[in-house]
Amino acid sequence: MVKKIENIGFFQKVYEVTKLIPYGRVTSYGAIASYLGTKGSSRMVGWALNSSHFNPDSIPAHRVVNRNGLLSGKHHFGGSEMMKNLLESEGVKVEEDKIINFNKLFWNPEKEL
């Protein structure tokens, strides 16, 4: 587990894992939930990331998409194209709200942390 996150709240755990997603890579809500030992809580991960805009730390929530590589949380980024623009600024190609080469860019915290 990431730097002793056992004693912090769920939302903060989500933020700590999300901050570790490498530049130009993406993961899914479910991958974060599974890593945290709460496999069925993908939706809660989404709620945490929706609230991340109020966190004083920089949380790269734009790097988290649904299990099919779709930008399902894009409406939480202050404009329908903001999430796409942030990803494209990192070299991630997006077409019709879907990550191109999703499997290649996928970062799995269970394998990489």
N, C-alpha and C. Protein backbone atom coordinates (compact mmCIF):
# COMPACT_ATOMS: atom_id res chain seq x y z
N MET A 1 0.82 -1.20 0.00
CA MET A 1 0.00 0.00 0.00
C MET A 1 0.85 1.25 0.00
N VAL A 2 0.28 2.29 -0.48
CA VAL A 2 0.98 3.56 -0.61
C VAL A 2 1.18 4.20 0.75
N LYS A 3 2.38 4.59 1.05
CA LYS A 3 2.80 5.30 2.26
C LYS A 3 1.80 5.37 3.40
N LYS A 4 1.51 4.24 3.97
CA LYS A 4 0.69 4.15 5.18
C LYS A 4 -0.64 4.90 5.06
N ILE A 5 -1.45 4.50 4.10
CA ILE A 5 -2.73 5.17 3.94
C ILE A 5 -3.86 4.47 4.70
N GLU A 6 -3.51 3.49 5.51
CA GLU A 6 -4.53 2.74 6.23
C GLU A 6 -5.34 3.61 7.19
N ASN A 7 -4.73 4.63 7.76
CA ASN A 7 -5.38 5.41 8.81
C ASN A 7 -6.02 6.71 8.32
N ILE A 8 -6.28 6.82 7.03
CA ILE A 8 -6.92 8.02 6.51
C ILE A 8 -8.25 7.63 5.87
N GLY A 9 -9.12 8.62 5.65
CA GLY A 9 -10.43 8.36 5.09
C GLY A 9 -10.38 7.88 3.64
N PHE A 10 -11.49 7.30 3.20
CA PHE A 10 -11.56 6.73 1.85
C PHE A 10 -11.25 7.75 0.77
N PHE A 11 -11.86 8.94 0.82
CA PHE A 11 -11.62 9.94 -0.21
C PHE A 11 -10.13 10.29 -0.27
N GLN A 12 -9.50 10.46 0.88
CA GLN A 12 -8.08 10.80 0.90
C GLN A 12 -7.24 9.66 0.34
N LYS A 13 -7.63 8.42 0.59
CA LYS A 13 -6.93 7.26 0.02
C LYS A 13 -7.00 7.32 -1.51
N VAL A 14 -8.19 7.63 -2.02
CA VAL A 14 -8.36 7.75 -3.47
C VAL A 14 -7.43 8.83 -4.02
N TYR A 15 -7.37 9.96 -3.33
CA TYR A 15 -6.51 11.06 -3.79
C TYR A 15 -5.04 10.65 -3.79
N GLU A 16 -4.61 9.93 -2.75
CA GLU A 16 -3.20 9.53 -2.66
C GLU A 16 -2.82 8.60 -3.81
N VAL A 17 -3.71 7.67 -4.16
CA VAL A 17 -3.44 6.76 -5.28
C VAL A 17 -3.49 7.54 -6.59
N THR A 18 -4.47 8.40 -6.76
CA THR A 18 -4.62 9.16 -7.99
C THR A 18 -3.39 10.03 -8.26
N LYS A 19 -2.81 10.59 -7.22
CA LYS A 19 -1.61 11.42 -7.38
C LYS A 19 -0.42 10.62 -7.91
N LEU A 20 -0.47 9.30 -7.82
CA LEU A 20 0.63 8.45 -8.27
C LEU A 20 0.51 8.01 -9.72
N ILE A 21 -0.62 8.30 -10.36
CA ILE A 21 -0.80 7.91 -11.77
C ILE A 21 0.22 8.71 -12.59
N PRO A 22 1.06 8.02 -13.33
CA PRO A 22 2.09 8.73 -14.09
C PRO A 22 1.50 9.62 -15.20
N TYR A 23 2.20 10.68 -15.47
CA TYR A 23 1.89 11.61 -16.57
C TYR A 23 1.74 10.80 -17.86
N GLY A 24 0.66 11.05 -18.59
CA GLY A 24 0.45 10.36 -19.86
C GLY A 24 -0.13 8.97 -19.74
N ARG A 25 -0.53 8.57 -18.54
CA ARG A 25 -1.13 7.26 -18.31
C ARG A 25 -2.53 7.47 -17.73
N VAL A 26 -3.35 6.44 -17.78
CA VAL A 26 -4.71 6.50 -17.24
C VAL A 26 -5.00 5.23 -16.46
N THR A 27 -5.98 5.32 -15.58
CA THR A 27 -6.47 4.15 -14.86
C THR A 27 -7.99 4.25 -14.78
N SER A 28 -8.60 3.30 -14.13
CA SER A 28 -10.06 3.29 -14.02
C SER A 28 -10.48 3.43 -12.56
N TYR A 29 -11.73 3.82 -12.39
CA TYR A 29 -12.31 3.91 -11.05
C TYR A 29 -12.21 2.56 -10.35
N GLY A 30 -12.52 1.50 -11.10
CA GLY A 30 -12.50 0.15 -10.54
C GLY A 30 -11.11 -0.30 -10.14
N ALA A 31 -10.08 0.09 -10.90
CA ALA A 31 -8.71 -0.30 -10.55
C ALA A 31 -8.30 0.33 -9.24
N ILE A 32 -8.69 1.58 -9.03
CA ILE A 32 -8.37 2.25 -7.76
C ILE A 32 -9.13 1.59 -6.62
N ALA A 33 -10.42 1.31 -6.85
CA ALA A 33 -11.23 0.66 -5.81
C ALA A 33 -10.63 -0.70 -5.44
N SER A 34 -10.26 -1.48 -6.43
CA SER A 34 -9.68 -2.80 -6.18
C SER A 34 -8.37 -2.68 -5.40
N TYR A 35 -7.53 -1.74 -5.78
CA TYR A 35 -6.26 -1.54 -5.08
C TYR A 35 -6.49 -1.21 -3.61
N LEU A 36 -7.53 -0.44 -3.35
CA LEU A 36 -7.82 -0.04 -1.97
C LEU A 36 -8.55 -1.12 -1.18
N GLY A 37 -8.81 -2.26 -1.83
CA GLY A 37 -9.46 -3.37 -1.14
C GLY A 37 -10.96 -3.24 -1.06
N THR A 38 -11.54 -2.39 -1.90
CA THR A 38 -12.99 -2.15 -1.92
C THR A 38 -13.49 -2.32 -3.34
N LYS A 39 -13.30 -3.51 -3.87
CA LYS A 39 -13.54 -3.79 -5.29
C LYS A 39 -14.90 -3.30 -5.81
N GLY A 40 -15.93 -3.34 -5.03
CA GLY A 40 -17.25 -2.94 -5.50
C GLY A 40 -17.56 -1.46 -5.36
N SER A 41 -16.55 -0.66 -5.09
CA SER A 41 -16.82 0.75 -4.79
C SER A 41 -16.32 1.72 -5.86
N SER A 42 -16.40 1.33 -7.10
CA SER A 42 -15.99 2.21 -8.21
C SER A 42 -16.74 3.54 -8.17
N ARG A 43 -18.01 3.46 -7.89
CA ARG A 43 -18.82 4.68 -7.85
C ARG A 43 -18.34 5.63 -6.74
N MET A 44 -17.95 5.06 -5.61
CA MET A 44 -17.42 5.89 -4.51
C MET A 44 -16.11 6.56 -4.92
N VAL A 45 -15.29 5.85 -5.69
CA VAL A 45 -14.06 6.46 -6.21
C VAL A 45 -14.43 7.66 -7.08
N GLY A 46 -15.44 7.50 -7.91
CA GLY A 46 -15.92 8.60 -8.74
C GLY A 46 -16.39 9.78 -7.90
N TRP A 47 -17.13 9.51 -6.84
CA TRP A 47 -17.61 10.59 -5.97
C TRP A 47 -16.43 11.31 -5.33
N ALA A 48 -15.43 10.53 -4.91
CA ALA A 48 -14.24 11.14 -4.31
C ALA A 48 -13.56 12.07 -5.32
N LEU A 49 -13.42 11.59 -6.54
CA LEU A 49 -12.74 12.41 -7.56
C LEU A 49 -13.57 13.63 -7.95
N ASN A 50 -14.89 13.50 -7.92
CA ASN A 50 -15.75 14.67 -8.17
C ASN A 50 -15.53 15.74 -7.12
N SER A 51 -15.21 15.31 -5.91
CA SER A 51 -14.97 16.25 -4.81
C SER A 51 -13.52 16.73 -4.76
N SER A 52 -12.67 16.17 -5.57
CA SER A 52 -11.24 16.50 -5.51
C SER A 52 -10.95 17.94 -5.89
N HIS A 53 -11.87 18.59 -6.58
CA HIS A 53 -11.67 19.98 -6.98
C HIS A 53 -11.60 20.90 -5.77
N PHE A 54 -12.11 20.44 -4.63
CA PHE A 54 -12.10 21.23 -3.41
C PHE A 54 -10.86 20.94 -2.56
N ASN A 55 -10.05 19.99 -2.98
CA ASN A 55 -8.85 19.61 -2.25
C ASN A 55 -7.73 20.60 -2.58
N PRO A 56 -6.98 21.06 -1.58
CA PRO A 56 -5.92 22.02 -1.85
C PRO A 56 -4.76 21.41 -2.65
N ASP A 57 -4.61 20.09 -2.62
CA ASP A 57 -3.56 19.44 -3.40
C ASP A 57 -4.02 19.29 -4.85
N SER A 58 -3.07 19.17 -5.73
CA SER A 58 -3.39 18.94 -7.14
C SER A 58 -3.66 17.45 -7.33
N ILE A 59 -4.89 17.11 -7.66
CA ILE A 59 -5.29 15.72 -7.87
C ILE A 59 -5.54 15.54 -9.37
N PRO A 60 -4.77 14.71 -10.07
CA PRO A 60 -4.96 14.54 -11.51
C PRO A 60 -6.15 13.63 -11.84
N ALA A 61 -7.33 14.06 -11.43
CA ALA A 61 -8.55 13.25 -11.62
C ALA A 61 -8.85 12.99 -13.09
N HIS A 62 -8.32 13.82 -13.98
CA HIS A 62 -8.57 13.63 -15.41
C HIS A 62 -7.95 12.33 -15.92
N ARG A 63 -7.05 11.74 -15.17
CA ARG A 63 -6.40 10.49 -15.58
C ARG A 63 -7.20 9.25 -15.19
N VAL A 64 -8.38 9.44 -14.61
CA VAL A 64 -9.21 8.31 -14.20
C VAL A 64 -10.47 8.29 -15.07
N VAL A 65 -10.67 7.16 -15.73
CA VAL A 65 -11.79 6.99 -16.66
C VAL A 65 -12.53 5.70 -16.31
N ASN A 66 -13.58 5.40 -17.06
CA ASN A 66 -14.29 4.16 -16.74
C ASN A 66 -13.54 2.95 -17.30
N ARG A 67 -14.03 1.78 -17.02
CA ARG A 67 -13.31 0.55 -17.36
C ARG A 67 -13.15 0.32 -18.86
N ASN A 68 -13.91 1.06 -19.68
CA ASN A 68 -13.80 0.94 -21.12
C ASN A 68 -12.97 2.06 -21.74
N GLY A 69 -12.41 2.92 -20.90
CA GLY A 69 -11.61 4.03 -21.41
C GLY A 69 -12.42 5.25 -21.79
N LEU A 70 -13.68 5.30 -21.37
CA LEU A 70 -14.53 6.44 -21.68
C LEU A 70 -14.38 7.54 -20.63
N LEU A 71 -14.45 8.78 -21.08
CA LEU A 71 -14.35 9.94 -20.19
C LEU A 71 -15.70 10.17 -19.52
N SER A 72 -16.09 9.26 -18.67
CA SER A 72 -17.42 9.31 -18.05
C SER A 72 -17.56 10.44 -17.04
N GLY A 73 -16.47 10.99 -16.53
CA GLY A 73 -16.55 12.06 -15.55
C GLY A 73 -16.29 13.43 -16.13
N LYS A 74 -16.33 13.55 -17.45
CA LYS A 74 -15.92 14.80 -18.10
C LYS A 74 -16.77 16.01 -17.71
N HIS A 75 -18.02 15.82 -17.35
CA HIS A 75 -18.89 16.95 -17.00
C HIS A 75 -18.52 17.58 -15.66
N HIS A 76 -17.57 16.98 -14.93
CA HIS A 76 -17.13 17.53 -13.64
C HIS A 76 -15.89 18.41 -13.78
N PHE A 77 -15.49 18.72 -15.00
CA PHE A 77 -14.26 19.45 -15.23
C PHE A 77 -14.47 20.87 -15.75
N GLY A 78 -15.59 21.47 -15.47
CA GLY A 78 -15.81 22.86 -15.82
C GLY A 78 -15.90 23.12 -17.31
N GLY A 79 -16.32 22.17 -18.05
CA GLY A 79 -16.46 22.30 -19.50
C GLY A 79 -16.37 20.93 -20.12
N SER A 80 -17.13 20.69 -21.14
CA SER A 80 -17.21 19.34 -21.70
C SER A 80 -15.90 18.88 -22.35
N GLU A 81 -15.01 19.80 -22.69
CA GLU A 81 -13.76 19.42 -23.35
C GLU A 81 -12.55 19.49 -22.42
N MET A 82 -12.71 19.96 -21.19
CA MET A 82 -11.56 20.16 -20.30
C MET A 82 -10.82 18.85 -20.00
N MET A 83 -11.53 17.79 -19.67
CA MET A 83 -10.89 16.52 -19.36
C MET A 83 -10.10 16.02 -20.58
N LYS A 84 -10.72 16.09 -21.73
CA LYS A 84 -10.07 15.69 -22.97
C LYS A 84 -8.82 16.54 -23.21
N ASN A 85 -8.94 17.84 -23.04
CA ASN A 85 -7.80 18.73 -23.27
C ASN A 85 -6.65 18.44 -22.32
N LEU A 86 -6.97 18.17 -21.05
CA LEU A 86 -5.92 17.83 -20.09
C LEU A 86 -5.20 16.54 -20.48
N LEU A 87 -5.96 15.54 -20.89
CA LEU A 87 -5.34 14.28 -21.31
C LEU A 87 -4.50 14.47 -22.57
N GLU A 88 -5.04 15.20 -23.54
CA GLU A 88 -4.30 15.42 -24.78
C GLU A 88 -3.03 16.23 -24.54
N SER A 89 -3.04 17.11 -23.54
CA SER A 89 -1.83 17.87 -23.22
C SER A 89 -0.73 16.96 -22.68
N GLU A 90 -1.10 15.75 -22.25
CA GLU A 90 -0.14 14.76 -21.77
C GLU A 90 0.19 13.72 -22.84
N GLY A 91 -0.31 13.94 -24.05
CA GLY A 91 -0.03 13.02 -25.15
C GLY A 91 -1.01 11.87 -25.28
N VAL A 92 -2.08 11.87 -24.50
CA VAL A 92 -3.10 10.83 -24.57
C VAL A 92 -4.10 11.21 -25.67
N LYS A 93 -4.29 10.30 -26.62
CA LYS A 93 -5.23 10.57 -27.72
C LYS A 93 -6.64 10.16 -27.30
N VAL A 94 -7.59 11.05 -27.60
CA VAL A 94 -8.99 10.82 -27.25
C VAL A 94 -9.83 11.07 -28.50
N GLU A 95 -10.68 10.12 -28.82
CA GLU A 95 -11.63 10.29 -29.93
C GLU A 95 -13.01 9.89 -29.44
N GLU A 96 -13.97 10.77 -29.68
CA GLU A 96 -15.35 10.53 -29.28
C GLU A 96 -15.43 10.13 -27.81
N ASP A 97 -14.71 10.87 -26.97
CA ASP A 97 -14.70 10.68 -25.52
C ASP A 97 -14.15 9.33 -25.09
N LYS A 98 -13.31 8.70 -25.90
CA LYS A 98 -12.72 7.42 -25.55
C LYS A 98 -11.20 7.49 -25.76
N ILE A 99 -10.47 6.92 -24.79
CA ILE A 99 -9.02 6.87 -24.85
C ILE A 99 -8.60 5.91 -25.96
N ILE A 100 -7.76 6.39 -26.87
CA ILE A 100 -7.19 5.53 -27.91
C ILE A 100 -6.00 4.79 -27.27
N ASN A 101 -5.87 3.52 -27.57
CA ASN A 101 -4.82 2.67 -26.97
C ASN A 101 -4.96 2.59 -25.45
N PHE A 102 -6.19 2.48 -24.98
CA PHE A 102 -6.46 2.43 -23.55
C PHE A 102 -5.67 1.34 -22.85
N ASN A 103 -5.65 0.13 -23.41
CA ASN A 103 -4.94 -0.97 -22.76
C ASN A 103 -3.44 -0.70 -22.65
N LYS A 104 -2.87 -0.05 -23.63
CA LYS A 104 -1.45 0.28 -23.60
C LYS A 104 -1.14 1.35 -22.56
N LEU A 105 -2.03 2.31 -22.39
CA LEU A 105 -1.82 3.42 -21.46
C LEU A 105 -2.31 3.11 -20.04
N PHE A 106 -3.01 2.00 -19.88
CA PHE A 106 -3.63 1.68 -18.59
C PHE A 106 -2.57 1.45 -17.51
N TRP A 107 -2.75 2.13 -16.40
CA TRP A 107 -1.87 2.00 -15.23
C TRP A 107 -2.65 1.27 -14.16
N ASN A 108 -2.15 0.10 -13.77
CA ASN A 108 -2.83 -0.73 -12.78
C ASN A 108 -2.08 -0.60 -11.44
N PRO A 109 -2.67 0.09 -10.46
CA PRO A 109 -1.96 0.28 -9.20
C PRO A 109 -1.64 -1.04 -8.49
N GLU A 110 -2.44 -2.07 -8.70
CA GLU A 110 -2.16 -3.35 -8.03
C GLU A 110 -0.87 -3.98 -8.56
N LYS A 111 -0.53 -3.71 -9.80
CA LYS A 111 0.68 -4.28 -10.39
C LYS A 111 1.86 -3.32 -10.30
N GLU A 112 1.59 -2.03 -10.29
CA GLU A 112 2.67 -1.06 -10.42
C GLU A 112 3.06 -0.35 -9.10
N LEU A 113 2.32 -0.63 -8.04
CA LEU A 113 2.69 -0.05 -6.75
C LEU A 113 3.12 -1.15 -5.79
